[in-house]
mmCIF file of all heavy atoms, coordinates in Angstrom:
data_MODEL
# 
_entry.id   MODEL 
# 
loop_
_atom_site.group_PDB 
_atom_site.id 
_atom_site.type_symbol 
_atom_site.label_atom_id 
_atom_site.label_alt_id 
_atom_site.label_comp_id 
_atom_site.label_asym_id 
_atom_site.label_entity_id 
_atom_site.label_seq_id 
_atom_site.pdbx_PDB_ins_code 
_atom_site.Cartn_x 
_atom_site.Cartn_y 
_atom_site.Cartn_z 
_atom_site.occupancy 
_atom_site.B_iso_or_equiv 
_atom_site.pdbx_formal_charge 
_atom_site.auth_seq_id 
_atom_site.auth_comp_id 
_atom_site.auth_asym_id 
_atom_site.auth_atom_id 
_atom_site.pdbx_PDB_model_num 
ATOM 1   N N   . ASN A 1 1  ? 100.303 79.427 111.743 1.00 0.00 ? 1  ASN A N   1 
ATOM 2   C CA  . ASN A 1 1  ? 101.683 79.900 111.727 1.00 0.00 ? 1  ASN A CA  1 
ATOM 3   C C   . ASN A 1 1  ? 102.668 78.790 111.376 1.00 0.00 ? 1  ASN A C   1 
ATOM 4   O O   . ASN A 1 1  ? 102.517 77.638 111.795 1.00 0.00 ? 1  ASN A O   1 
ATOM 5   C CB  . ASN A 1 1  ? 102.059 80.495 113.089 1.00 0.00 ? 1  ASN A CB  1 
ATOM 6   C CG  . ASN A 1 1  ? 101.282 81.764 113.404 1.00 0.00 ? 1  ASN A CG  1 
ATOM 7   O OD1 . ASN A 1 1  ? 100.795 82.455 112.499 1.00 0.00 ? 1  ASN A OD1 1 
ATOM 8   N ND2 . ASN A 1 1  ? 101.154 82.078 114.681 1.00 0.00 ? 1  ASN A ND2 1 
ATOM 9   N N   . ASP A 1 2  ? 103.680 79.167 110.598 1.00 0.00 ? 2  ASP A N   1 
ATOM 10  C CA  . ASP A 1 2  ? 104.772 78.270 110.194 1.00 0.00 ? 2  ASP A CA  1 
ATOM 11  C C   . ASP A 1 2  ? 104.307 77.085 109.356 1.00 0.00 ? 2  ASP A C   1 
ATOM 12  O O   . ASP A 1 2  ? 104.948 76.026 109.326 1.00 0.00 ? 2  ASP A O   1 
ATOM 13  C CB  . ASP A 1 2  ? 105.552 77.768 111.413 1.00 0.00 ? 2  ASP A CB  1 
ATOM 14  C CG  . ASP A 1 2  ? 106.208 78.917 112.169 1.00 0.00 ? 2  ASP A CG  1 
ATOM 15  O OD1 . ASP A 1 2  ? 106.739 79.827 111.510 1.00 0.00 ? 2  ASP A OD1 1 
ATOM 16  O OD2 . ASP A 1 2  ? 106.174 78.914 113.413 1.00 0.00 ? 2  ASP A OD2 1 
ATOM 17  N N   . THR A 1 3  ? 103.170 77.269 108.713 1.00 0.00 ? 3  THR A N   1 
ATOM 18  C CA  . THR A 1 3  ? 102.723 76.330 107.679 1.00 0.00 ? 3  THR A CA  1 
ATOM 19  C C   . THR A 1 3  ? 102.338 77.157 106.459 1.00 0.00 ? 3  THR A C   1 
ATOM 20  O O   . THR A 1 3  ? 102.346 78.389 106.504 1.00 0.00 ? 3  THR A O   1 
ATOM 21  C CB  . THR A 1 3  ? 101.489 75.503 108.128 1.00 0.00 ? 3  THR A CB  1 
ATOM 22  O OG1 . THR A 1 3  ? 100.342 76.363 108.138 1.00 0.00 ? 3  THR A OG1 1 
ATOM 23  C CG2 . THR A 1 3  ? 101.690 74.907 109.511 1.00 0.00 ? 3  THR A CG2 1 
ATOM 24  N N   . ASN A 1 4  ? 101.979 76.489 105.388 1.00 0.00 ? 4  ASN A N   1 
ATOM 25  C CA  . ASN A 1 4  ? 101.483 77.214 104.210 1.00 0.00 ? 4  ASN A CA  1 
ATOM 26  C C   . ASN A 1 4  ? 99.963  77.364 104.228 1.00 0.00 ? 4  ASN A C   1 
ATOM 27  O O   . ASN A 1 4  ? 99.371  77.775 103.237 1.00 0.00 ? 4  ASN A O   1 
ATOM 28  C CB  . ASN A 1 4  ? 101.917 76.496 102.924 1.00 0.00 ? 4  ASN A CB  1 
ATOM 29  C CG  . ASN A 1 4  ? 103.411 76.601 102.689 1.00 0.00 ? 4  ASN A CG  1 
ATOM 30  O OD1 . ASN A 1 4  ? 104.082 77.450 103.272 1.00 0.00 ? 4  ASN A OD1 1 
ATOM 31  N ND2 . ASN A 1 4  ? 103.950 75.721 101.851 1.00 0.00 ? 4  ASN A ND2 1 
ATOM 32  N N   . VAL A 1 5  ? 99.365  77.015 105.325 1.00 0.00 ? 5  VAL A N   1 
ATOM 33  C CA  . VAL A 1 5  ? 97.907  77.155 105.449 1.00 0.00 ? 5  VAL A CA  1 
ATOM 34  C C   . VAL A 1 5  ? 97.590  78.620 105.713 1.00 0.00 ? 5  VAL A C   1 
ATOM 35  O O   . VAL A 1 5  ? 97.717  79.120 106.840 1.00 0.00 ? 5  VAL A O   1 
ATOM 36  C CB  . VAL A 1 5  ? 97.345  76.263 106.564 1.00 0.00 ? 5  VAL A CB  1 
ATOM 37  C CG1 . VAL A 1 5  ? 95.838  76.470 106.697 1.00 0.00 ? 5  VAL A CG1 1 
ATOM 38  C CG2 . VAL A 1 5  ? 97.674  74.805 106.290 1.00 0.00 ? 5  VAL A CG2 1 
ATOM 39  N N   . ASP A 1 6  ? 97.189  79.304 104.664 1.00 0.00 ? 6  ASP A N   1 
ATOM 40  C CA  . ASP A 1 6  ? 96.895  80.729 104.713 1.00 0.00 ? 6  ASP A CA  1 
ATOM 41  C C   . ASP A 1 6  ? 95.958  81.011 103.536 1.00 0.00 ? 6  ASP A C   1 
ATOM 42  O O   . ASP A 1 6  ? 96.368  81.598 102.526 1.00 0.00 ? 6  ASP A O   1 
ATOM 43  C CB  . ASP A 1 6  ? 98.194  81.534 104.610 1.00 0.00 ? 6  ASP A CB  1 
ATOM 44  C CG  . ASP A 1 6  ? 98.014  82.998 104.976 1.00 0.00 ? 6  ASP A CG  1 
ATOM 45  O OD1 . ASP A 1 6  ? 96.921  83.385 105.414 1.00 0.00 ? 6  ASP A OD1 1 
ATOM 46  O OD2 . ASP A 1 6  ? 98.982  83.774 104.819 1.00 0.00 ? 6  ASP A OD2 1 
ATOM 47  N N   . TYR A 1 7  ? 94.707  80.584 103.680 1.00 0.00 ? 7  TYR A N   1 
ATOM 48  C CA  . TYR A 1 7  ? 93.795  80.520 102.537 1.00 0.00 ? 7  TYR A CA  1 
ATOM 49  C C   . TYR A 1 7  ? 92.386  81.002 102.887 1.00 0.00 ? 7  TYR A C   1 
ATOM 50  O O   . TYR A 1 7  ? 91.955  80.924 104.052 1.00 0.00 ? 7  TYR A O   1 
ATOM 51  C CB  . TYR A 1 7  ? 93.671  79.072 102.051 1.00 0.00 ? 7  TYR A CB  1 
ATOM 52  C CG  . TYR A 1 7  ? 94.920  78.499 101.452 1.00 0.00 ? 7  TYR A CG  1 
ATOM 53  C CD1 . TYR A 1 7  ? 95.664  77.537 102.135 1.00 0.00 ? 7  TYR A CD1 1 
ATOM 54  C CD2 . TYR A 1 7  ? 95.360  78.898 100.186 1.00 0.00 ? 7  TYR A CD2 1 
ATOM 55  C CE1 . TYR A 1 7  ? 96.808  76.988 101.577 1.00 0.00 ? 7  TYR A CE1 1 
ATOM 56  C CE2 . TYR A 1 7  ? 96.508  78.355 99.622  1.00 0.00 ? 7  TYR A CE2 1 
ATOM 57  C CZ  . TYR A 1 7  ? 97.231  77.404 100.319 1.00 0.00 ? 7  TYR A CZ  1 
ATOM 58  O OH  . TYR A 1 7  ? 98.360  76.866 99.765  1.00 0.00 ? 7  TYR A OH  1 
ATOM 59  N N   . PRO A 1 8  ? 91.647  81.412 101.851 1.00 0.00 ? 8  PRO A N   1 
ATOM 60  C CA  . PRO A 1 8  ? 90.217  81.675 102.052 1.00 0.00 ? 8  PRO A CA  1 
ATOM 61  C C   . PRO A 1 8  ? 89.466  80.363 102.256 1.00 0.00 ? 8  PRO A C   1 
ATOM 62  O O   . PRO A 1 8  ? 89.900  79.305 101.799 1.00 0.00 ? 8  PRO A O   1 
ATOM 63  C CB  . PRO A 1 8  ? 89.800  82.364 100.740 1.00 0.00 ? 8  PRO A CB  1 
ATOM 64  C CG  . PRO A 1 8  ? 90.792  81.901 99.727  1.00 0.00 ? 8  PRO A CG  1 
ATOM 65  C CD  . PRO A 1 8  ? 92.087  81.709 100.474 1.00 0.00 ? 8  PRO A CD  1 
ATOM 66  N N   . ILE A 1 9  ? 88.351  80.455 102.960 1.00 0.00 ? 9  ILE A N   1 
ATOM 67  C CA  . ILE A 1 9  ? 87.458  79.317 103.130 1.00 0.00 ? 9  ILE A CA  1 
ATOM 68  C C   . ILE A 1 9  ? 86.169  79.608 102.369 1.00 0.00 ? 9  ILE A C   1 
ATOM 69  O O   . ILE A 1 9  ? 85.615  80.701 102.469 1.00 0.00 ? 9  ILE A O   1 
ATOM 70  C CB  . ILE A 1 9  ? 87.138  79.069 104.615 1.00 0.00 ? 9  ILE A CB  1 
ATOM 71  C CG1 . ILE A 1 9  ? 88.416  78.808 105.415 1.00 0.00 ? 9  ILE A CG1 1 
ATOM 72  C CG2 . ILE A 1 9  ? 86.177  77.887 104.779 1.00 0.00 ? 9  ILE A CG2 1 
ATOM 73  C CD1 . ILE A 1 9  ? 88.184  78.658 106.924 1.00 0.00 ? 9  ILE A CD1 1 
ATOM 74  N N   . VAL A 1 10 ? 85.728  78.614 101.615 1.00 0.00 ? 10 VAL A N   1 
ATOM 75  C CA  . VAL A 1 10 ? 84.534  78.789 100.787 1.00 0.00 ? 10 VAL A CA  1 
ATOM 76  C C   . VAL A 1 10 ? 83.501  77.716 101.121 1.00 0.00 ? 10 VAL A C   1 
ATOM 77  O O   . VAL A 1 10 ? 83.814  76.690 101.732 1.00 0.00 ? 10 VAL A O   1 
ATOM 78  C CB  . VAL A 1 10 ? 84.870  78.715 99.277  1.00 0.00 ? 10 VAL A CB  1 
ATOM 79  C CG1 . VAL A 1 10 ? 85.558  79.979 98.813  1.00 0.00 ? 10 VAL A CG1 1 
ATOM 80  C CG2 . VAL A 1 10 ? 85.723  77.491 98.973  1.00 0.00 ? 10 VAL A CG2 1 
ATOM 81  N N   . GLN A 1 11 ? 82.273  77.978 100.683 1.00 0.00 ? 11 GLN A N   1 
ATOM 82  C CA  . GLN A 1 11 ? 81.211  76.976 100.793 1.00 0.00 ? 11 GLN A CA  1 
ATOM 83  C C   . GLN A 1 11 ? 80.268  77.164 99.611  1.00 0.00 ? 11 GLN A C   1 
ATOM 84  O O   . GLN A 1 11 ? 79.731  78.258 99.411  1.00 0.00 ? 11 GLN A O   1 
ATOM 85  C CB  . GLN A 1 11 ? 80.436  77.118 102.099 1.00 0.00 ? 11 GLN A CB  1 
ATOM 86  C CG  . GLN A 1 11 ? 79.387  76.028 102.308 1.00 0.00 ? 11 GLN A CG  1 
ATOM 87  C CD  . GLN A 1 11 ? 78.629  76.181 103.611 1.00 0.00 ? 11 GLN A CD  1 
ATOM 88  O OE1 . GLN A 1 11 ? 77.448  76.524 103.608 1.00 0.00 ? 11 GLN A OE1 1 
ATOM 89  N NE2 . GLN A 1 11 ? 79.305  75.933 104.737 1.00 0.00 ? 11 GLN A NE2 1 
ATOM 90  N N   . SER A 1 12 ? 80.121  76.109 98.851  1.00 0.00 ? 12 SER A N   1 
ATOM 91  C CA  . SER A 1 12 ? 79.227  76.164 97.696  1.00 0.00 ? 12 SER A CA  1 
ATOM 92  C C   . SER A 1 12 ? 77.778  75.999 98.157  1.00 0.00 ? 12 SER A C   1 
ATOM 93  O O   . SER A 1 12 ? 77.468  75.109 98.959  1.00 0.00 ? 12 SER A O   1 
ATOM 94  C CB  . SER A 1 12 ? 79.574  75.068 96.693  1.00 0.00 ? 12 SER A CB  1 
ATOM 95  O OG  . SER A 1 12 ? 78.606  75.021 95.667  1.00 0.00 ? 12 SER A OG  1 
ATOM 96  N N   . ALA A 1 13 ? 76.929  76.848 97.629  1.00 0.00 ? 13 ALA A N   1 
ATOM 97  C CA  . ALA A 1 13 ? 75.512  76.772 97.984  1.00 0.00 ? 13 ALA A CA  1 
ATOM 98  C C   . ALA A 1 13 ? 74.798  75.654 97.234  1.00 0.00 ? 13 ALA A C   1 
ATOM 99  O O   . ALA A 1 13 ? 73.700  75.242 97.619  1.00 0.00 ? 13 ALA A O   1 
ATOM 100 C CB  . ALA A 1 13 ? 74.841  78.101 97.692  1.00 0.00 ? 13 ALA A CB  1 
ATOM 101 N N   . LYS A 1 14 ? 75.431  75.116 96.171  1.00 0.00 ? 14 LYS A N   1 
ATOM 102 C CA  . LYS A 1 14 ? 74.754  74.154 95.307  1.00 0.00 ? 14 LYS A CA  1 
ATOM 103 C C   . LYS A 1 14 ? 75.389  72.770 95.280  1.00 0.00 ? 14 LYS A C   1 
ATOM 104 O O   . LYS A 1 14 ? 74.707  71.771 95.084  1.00 0.00 ? 14 LYS A O   1 
ATOM 105 C CB  . LYS A 1 14 ? 74.708  74.697 93.876  1.00 0.00 ? 14 LYS A CB  1 
ATOM 106 C CG  . LYS A 1 14 ? 73.924  76.004 93.737  1.00 0.00 ? 14 LYS A CG  1 
ATOM 107 C CD  . LYS A 1 14 ? 73.945  76.493 92.303  1.00 0.00 ? 14 LYS A CD  1 
ATOM 108 C CE  . LYS A 1 14 ? 73.156  77.789 92.142  1.00 0.00 ? 14 LYS A CE  1 
ATOM 109 N NZ  . LYS A 1 14 ? 73.182  78.284 90.743  1.00 0.00 ? 14 LYS A NZ  1 
ATOM 110 N N   . ASP A 1 15 ? 76.719  72.699 95.464  1.00 0.00 ? 15 ASP A N   1 
ATOM 111 C CA  . ASP A 1 15 ? 77.420  71.425 95.266  1.00 0.00 ? 15 ASP A CA  1 
ATOM 112 C C   . ASP A 1 15 ? 78.574  71.314 96.252  1.00 0.00 ? 15 ASP A C   1 
ATOM 113 O O   . ASP A 1 15 ? 79.582  72.010 96.121  1.00 0.00 ? 15 ASP A O   1 
ATOM 114 C CB  . ASP A 1 15 ? 77.931  71.341 93.827  1.00 0.00 ? 15 ASP A CB  1 
ATOM 115 C CG  . ASP A 1 15 ? 78.661  70.036 93.536  1.00 0.00 ? 15 ASP A CG  1 
ATOM 116 O OD1 . ASP A 1 15 ? 78.695  69.154 94.424  1.00 0.00 ? 15 ASP A OD1 1 
ATOM 117 O OD2 . ASP A 1 15 ? 79.218  69.906 92.421  1.00 0.00 ? 15 ASP A OD2 1 
ATOM 118 N N   . ASP A 1 16 ? 78.439  70.433 97.244  1.00 0.00 ? 16 ASP A N   1 
ATOM 119 C CA  . ASP A 1 16 ? 79.489  70.278 98.259  1.00 0.00 ? 16 ASP A CA  1 
ATOM 120 C C   . ASP A 1 16 ? 80.835  69.882 97.668  1.00 0.00 ? 16 ASP A C   1 
ATOM 121 O O   . ASP A 1 16 ? 81.880  70.168 98.255  1.00 0.00 ? 16 ASP A O   1 
ATOM 122 C CB  . ASP A 1 16 ? 79.065  69.234 99.289  1.00 0.00 ? 16 ASP A CB  1 
ATOM 123 C CG  . ASP A 1 16 ? 78.122  69.810 100.350 1.00 0.00 ? 16 ASP A CG  1 
ATOM 124 O OD1 . ASP A 1 16 ? 78.113  71.046 100.534 1.00 0.00 ? 16 ASP A OD1 1 
ATOM 125 O OD2 . ASP A 1 16 ? 77.403  69.015 100.981 1.00 0.00 ? 16 ASP A OD2 1 
ATOM 126 N N   . SER A 1 17 ? 80.825  69.206 96.537  1.00 0.00 ? 17 SER A N   1 
ATOM 127 C CA  . SER A 1 17 ? 82.079  68.725 95.952  1.00 0.00 ? 17 SER A CA  1 
ATOM 128 C C   . SER A 1 17 ? 82.703  69.727 94.971  1.00 0.00 ? 17 SER A C   1 
ATOM 129 O O   . SER A 1 17 ? 83.782  69.460 94.430  1.00 0.00 ? 17 SER A O   1 
ATOM 130 C CB  . SER A 1 17 ? 81.842  67.393 95.235  1.00 0.00 ? 17 SER A CB  1 
ATOM 131 O OG  . SER A 1 17 ? 80.946  67.564 94.145  1.00 0.00 ? 17 SER A OG  1 
ATOM 132 N N   . PHE A 1 18 ? 82.048  70.846 94.760  1.00 0.00 ? 18 PHE A N   1 
ATOM 133 C CA  . PHE A 1 18 ? 82.510  71.791 93.741  1.00 0.00 ? 18 PHE A CA  1 
ATOM 134 C C   . PHE A 1 18 ? 83.953  72.243 93.989  1.00 0.00 ? 18 PHE A C   1 
ATOM 135 O O   . PHE A 1 18 ? 84.783  72.261 93.064  1.00 0.00 ? 18 PHE A O   1 
ATOM 136 C CB  . PHE A 1 18 ? 81.592  73.015 93.708  1.00 0.00 ? 18 PHE A CB  1 
ATOM 137 C CG  . PHE A 1 18 ? 81.995  74.053 92.699  1.00 0.00 ? 18 PHE A CG  1 
ATOM 138 C CD1 . PHE A 1 18 ? 81.684  73.898 91.351  1.00 0.00 ? 18 PHE A CD1 1 
ATOM 139 C CD2 . PHE A 1 18 ? 82.704  75.193 93.075  1.00 0.00 ? 18 PHE A CD2 1 
ATOM 140 C CE1 . PHE A 1 18 ? 82.066  74.848 90.405  1.00 0.00 ? 18 PHE A CE1 1 
ATOM 141 C CE2 . PHE A 1 18 ? 83.088  76.140 92.144  1.00 0.00 ? 18 PHE A CE2 1 
ATOM 142 C CZ  . PHE A 1 18 ? 82.764  75.965 90.791  1.00 0.00 ? 18 PHE A CZ  1 
ATOM 143 N N   . TYR A 1 19 ? 84.275  72.585 95.226  1.00 0.00 ? 19 TYR A N   1 
ATOM 144 C CA  . TYR A 1 19 ? 85.595  73.149 95.503  1.00 0.00 ? 19 TYR A CA  1 
ATOM 145 C C   . TYR A 1 19 ? 86.677  72.084 95.688  1.00 0.00 ? 19 TYR A C   1 
ATOM 146 O O   . TYR A 1 19 ? 87.823  72.413 96.008  1.00 0.00 ? 19 TYR A O   1 
ATOM 147 C CB  . TYR A 1 19 ? 85.524  74.077 96.718  1.00 0.00 ? 19 TYR A CB  1 
ATOM 148 C CG  . TYR A 1 19 ? 84.824  75.386 96.381  1.00 0.00 ? 19 TYR A CG  1 
ATOM 149 C CD1 . TYR A 1 19 ? 83.535  75.642 96.832  1.00 0.00 ? 19 TYR A CD1 1 
ATOM 150 C CD2 . TYR A 1 19 ? 85.447  76.335 95.569  1.00 0.00 ? 19 TYR A CD2 1 
ATOM 151 C CE1 . TYR A 1 19 ? 82.888  76.831 96.508  1.00 0.00 ? 19 TYR A CE1 1 
ATOM 152 C CE2 . TYR A 1 19 ? 84.804  77.523 95.238  1.00 0.00 ? 19 TYR A CE2 1 
ATOM 153 C CZ  . TYR A 1 19 ? 83.527  77.768 95.705  1.00 0.00 ? 19 TYR A CZ  1 
ATOM 154 O OH  . TYR A 1 19 ? 82.897  78.954 95.372  1.00 0.00 ? 19 TYR A OH  1 
ATOM 155 N N   . LEU A 1 20 ? 86.328  70.835 95.458  1.00 0.00 ? 20 LEU A N   1 
ATOM 156 C CA  . LEU A 1 20 ? 87.380  69.823 95.380  1.00 0.00 ? 20 LEU A CA  1 
ATOM 157 C C   . LEU A 1 20 ? 88.288  70.085 94.187  1.00 0.00 ? 20 LEU A C   1 
ATOM 158 O O   . LEU A 1 20 ? 89.489  69.784 94.221  1.00 0.00 ? 20 LEU A O   1 
ATOM 159 C CB  . LEU A 1 20 ? 86.755  68.425 95.236  1.00 0.00 ? 20 LEU A CB  1 
ATOM 160 C CG  . LEU A 1 20 ? 86.284  67.733 96.520  1.00 0.00 ? 20 LEU A CG  1 
ATOM 161 C CD1 . LEU A 1 20 ? 85.482  66.479 96.163  1.00 0.00 ? 20 LEU A CD1 1 
ATOM 162 C CD2 . LEU A 1 20 ? 87.478  67.370 97.399  1.00 0.00 ? 20 LEU A CD2 1 
ATOM 163 N N   . LYS A 1 21 ? 87.732  70.667 93.132  1.00 0.00 ? 21 LYS A N   1 
ATOM 164 C CA  . LYS A 1 21 ? 88.495  70.893 91.905  1.00 0.00 ? 21 LYS A CA  1 
ATOM 165 C C   . LYS A 1 21 ? 88.319  72.313 91.360  1.00 0.00 ? 21 LYS A C   1 
ATOM 166 O O   . LYS A 1 21 ? 88.471  72.534 90.157  1.00 0.00 ? 21 LYS A O   1 
ATOM 167 C CB  . LYS A 1 21 ? 88.060  69.885 90.835  1.00 0.00 ? 21 LYS A CB  1 
ATOM 168 C CG  . LYS A 1 21 ? 88.376  68.431 91.180  1.00 0.00 ? 21 LYS A CG  1 
ATOM 169 C CD  . LYS A 1 21 ? 89.887  68.186 91.309  1.00 0.00 ? 21 LYS A CD  1 
ATOM 170 C CE  . LYS A 1 21 ? 90.197  66.734 91.636  1.00 0.00 ? 21 LYS A CE  1 
ATOM 171 N NZ  . LYS A 1 21 ? 91.662  66.481 91.794  1.00 0.00 ? 21 LYS A NZ  1 
ATOM 172 N N   . HIS A 1 22 ? 88.017  73.258 92.222  1.00 0.00 ? 22 HIS A N   1 
ATOM 173 C CA  . HIS A 1 22 ? 87.885  74.642 91.773  1.00 0.00 ? 22 HIS A CA  1 
ATOM 174 C C   . HIS A 1 22 ? 88.512  75.595 92.781  1.00 0.00 ? 22 HIS A C   1 
ATOM 175 O O   . HIS A 1 22 ? 88.479  75.348 93.988  1.00 0.00 ? 22 HIS A O   1 
ATOM 176 C CB  . HIS A 1 22 ? 86.414  75.003 91.555  1.00 0.00 ? 22 HIS A CB  1 
ATOM 177 C CG  . HIS A 1 22 ? 85.789  74.305 90.396  1.00 0.00 ? 22 HIS A CG  1 
ATOM 178 N ND1 . HIS A 1 22 ? 85.259  73.029 90.501  1.00 0.00 ? 22 HIS A ND1 1 
ATOM 179 C CD2 . HIS A 1 22 ? 85.622  74.693 89.093  1.00 0.00 ? 22 HIS A CD2 1 
ATOM 180 C CE1 . HIS A 1 22 ? 84.781  72.659 89.326  1.00 0.00 ? 22 HIS A CE1 1 
ATOM 181 N NE2 . HIS A 1 22 ? 84.980  73.654 88.452  1.00 0.00 ? 22 HIS A NE2 1 
ATOM 182 N N   . LYS A 1 23 ? 89.087  76.665 92.276  1.00 0.00 ? 23 LYS A N   1 
ATOM 183 C CA  . LYS A 1 23 ? 89.728  77.662 93.121  1.00 0.00 ? 23 LYS A CA  1 
ATOM 184 C C   . LYS A 1 23 ? 88.700  78.492 93.883  1.00 0.00 ? 23 LYS A C   1 
ATOM 185 O O   . LYS A 1 23 ? 87.593  78.732 93.389  1.00 0.00 ? 23 LYS A O   1 
ATOM 186 C CB  . LYS A 1 23 ? 90.588  78.596 92.273  1.00 0.00 ? 23 LYS A CB  1 
ATOM 187 C CG  . LYS A 1 23 ? 91.810  77.951 91.641  1.00 0.00 ? 23 LYS A CG  1 
ATOM 188 C CD  . LYS A 1 23 ? 92.594  78.991 90.850  1.00 0.00 ? 23 LYS A CD  1 
ATOM 189 C CE  . LYS A 1 23 ? 93.834  78.381 90.213  1.00 0.00 ? 23 LYS A CE  1 
ATOM 190 N NZ  . LYS A 1 23 ? 94.609  79.389 89.429  1.00 0.00 ? 23 LYS A NZ  1 
ATOM 191 N N   . ALA A 1 24 ? 89.119  78.952 95.038  1.00 0.00 ? 24 ALA A N   1 
ATOM 192 C CA  . ALA A 1 24 ? 88.244  79.821 95.822  1.00 0.00 ? 24 ALA A CA  1 
ATOM 193 C C   . ALA A 1 24 ? 88.159  81.212 95.205  1.00 0.00 ? 24 ALA A C   1 
ATOM 194 O O   . ALA A 1 24 ? 87.093  81.842 95.217  1.00 0.00 ? 24 ALA A O   1 
ATOM 195 C CB  . ALA A 1 24 ? 88.762  79.933 97.251  1.00 0.00 ? 24 ALA A CB  1 
ATOM 196 N N   . GLU A 1 25 ? 89.273  81.688 94.662  1.00 0.00 ? 25 GLU A N   1 
ATOM 197 C CA  . GLU A 1 25 ? 89.350  83.081 94.234  1.00 0.00 ? 25 GLU A CA  1 
ATOM 198 C C   . GLU A 1 25 ? 88.396  83.407 93.089  1.00 0.00 ? 25 GLU A C   1 
ATOM 199 O O   . GLU A 1 25 ? 87.757  84.469 93.087  1.00 0.00 ? 25 GLU A O   1 
ATOM 200 C CB  . GLU A 1 25 ? 90.789  83.430 93.835  1.00 0.00 ? 25 GLU A CB  1 
ATOM 201 C CG  . GLU A 1 25 ? 91.778  83.475 95.000  1.00 0.00 ? 25 GLU A CG  1 
ATOM 202 C CD  . GLU A 1 25 ? 92.223  82.096 95.479  1.00 0.00 ? 25 GLU A CD  1 
ATOM 203 O OE1 . GLU A 1 25 ? 91.876  81.088 94.804  1.00 0.00 ? 25 GLU A OE1 1 
ATOM 204 O OE2 . GLU A 1 25 ? 92.908  82.022 96.504  1.00 0.00 ? 25 GLU A OE2 1 
ATOM 205 N N   . ASP A 1 26 ? 88.301  82.512 92.101  1.00 0.00 ? 26 ASP A N   1 
ATOM 206 C CA  . ASP A 1 26 ? 87.479  82.838 90.928  1.00 0.00 ? 26 ASP A CA  1 
ATOM 207 C C   . ASP A 1 26 ? 86.661  81.651 90.415  1.00 0.00 ? 26 ASP A C   1 
ATOM 208 O O   . ASP A 1 26 ? 86.085  81.705 89.321  1.00 0.00 ? 26 ASP A O   1 
ATOM 209 C CB  . ASP A 1 26 ? 88.361  83.384 89.802  1.00 0.00 ? 26 ASP A CB  1 
ATOM 210 C CG  . ASP A 1 26 ? 89.454  82.400 89.399  1.00 0.00 ? 26 ASP A CG  1 
ATOM 211 O OD1 . ASP A 1 26 ? 89.449  81.248 89.892  1.00 0.00 ? 26 ASP A OD1 1 
ATOM 212 O OD2 . ASP A 1 26 ? 90.321  82.784 88.590  1.00 0.00 ? 26 ASP A OD2 1 
ATOM 213 N N   . LYS A 1 27 ? 86.632  80.565 91.153  1.00 0.00 ? 27 LYS A N   1 
ATOM 214 C CA  . LYS A 1 27 ? 85.873  79.369 90.798  1.00 0.00 ? 27 LYS A CA  1 
ATOM 215 C C   . LYS A 1 27 ? 86.399  78.672 89.536  1.00 0.00 ? 27 LYS A C   1 
ATOM 216 O O   . LYS A 1 27 ? 85.713  77.807 88.971  1.00 0.00 ? 27 LYS A O   1 
ATOM 217 C CB  . LYS A 1 27 ? 84.390  79.688 90.606  1.00 0.00 ? 27 LYS A CB  1 
ATOM 218 C CG  . LYS A 1 27 ? 83.682  80.185 91.856  1.00 0.00 ? 27 LYS A CG  1 
ATOM 219 C CD  . LYS A 1 27 ? 82.175  80.332 91.612  1.00 0.00 ? 27 LYS A CD  1 
ATOM 220 C CE  . LYS A 1 27 ? 81.437  80.768 92.857  1.00 0.00 ? 27 LYS A CE  1 
ATOM 221 N NZ  . LYS A 1 27 ? 79.974  80.873 92.628  1.00 0.00 ? 27 LYS A NZ  1 
ATOM 222 N N   . SER A 1 28 ? 87.599  79.008 89.126  1.00 0.00 ? 28 SER A N   1 
ATOM 223 C CA  . SER A 1 28 ? 88.171  78.339 87.952  1.00 0.00 ? 28 SER A CA  1 
ATOM 224 C C   . SER A 1 28 ? 88.650  76.939 88.337  1.00 0.00 ? 28 SER A C   1 
ATOM 225 O O   . SER A 1 28 ? 88.936  76.664 89.511  1.00 0.00 ? 28 SER A O   1 
ATOM 226 C CB  . SER A 1 28 ? 89.335  79.151 87.393  1.00 0.00 ? 28 SER A CB  1 
ATOM 227 O OG  . SER A 1 28 ? 90.386  79.274 88.336  1.00 0.00 ? 28 SER A OG  1 
ATOM 228 N N   . TRP A 1 29 ? 88.739  76.058 87.342  1.00 0.00 ? 29 TRP A N   1 
ATOM 229 C CA  . TRP A 1 29 ? 89.137  74.675 87.614  1.00 0.00 ? 29 TRP A CA  1 
ATOM 230 C C   . TRP A 1 29 ? 90.558  74.634 88.148  1.00 0.00 ? 29 TRP A C   1 
ATOM 231 O O   . TRP A 1 29 ? 91.460  75.329 87.678  1.00 0.00 ? 29 TRP A O   1 
ATOM 232 C CB  . TRP A 1 29 ? 89.040  73.827 86.353  1.00 0.00 ? 29 TRP A CB  1 
ATOM 233 C CG  . TRP A 1 29 ? 89.233  72.358 86.638  1.00 0.00 ? 29 TRP A CG  1 
ATOM 234 C CD1 . TRP A 1 29 ? 88.282  71.451 86.924  1.00 0.00 ? 29 TRP A CD1 1 
ATOM 235 C CD2 . TRP A 1 29 ? 90.488  71.651 86.664  1.00 0.00 ? 29 TRP A CD2 1 
ATOM 236 N NE1 . TRP A 1 29 ? 88.826  70.215 87.137  1.00 0.00 ? 29 TRP A NE1 1 
ATOM 237 C CE2 . TRP A 1 29 ? 90.203  70.292 86.985  1.00 0.00 ? 29 TRP A CE2 1 
ATOM 238 C CE3 . TRP A 1 29 ? 91.817  72.021 86.459  1.00 0.00 ? 29 TRP A CE3 1 
ATOM 239 C CZ2 . TRP A 1 29 ? 91.174  69.315 87.103  1.00 0.00 ? 29 TRP A CZ2 1 
ATOM 240 C CZ3 . TRP A 1 29 ? 92.809  71.040 86.585  1.00 0.00 ? 29 TRP A CZ3 1 
ATOM 241 C CH2 . TRP A 1 29 ? 92.476  69.705 86.893  1.00 0.00 ? 29 TRP A CH2 1 
# 
């Protein structure tokens, strides 16, 4: 509450660093 933290949480099955530079919604860069 009262922050902009309102997001999906993801976990890559293949690469822990994948979501450092990819969106959760569609895996786009």
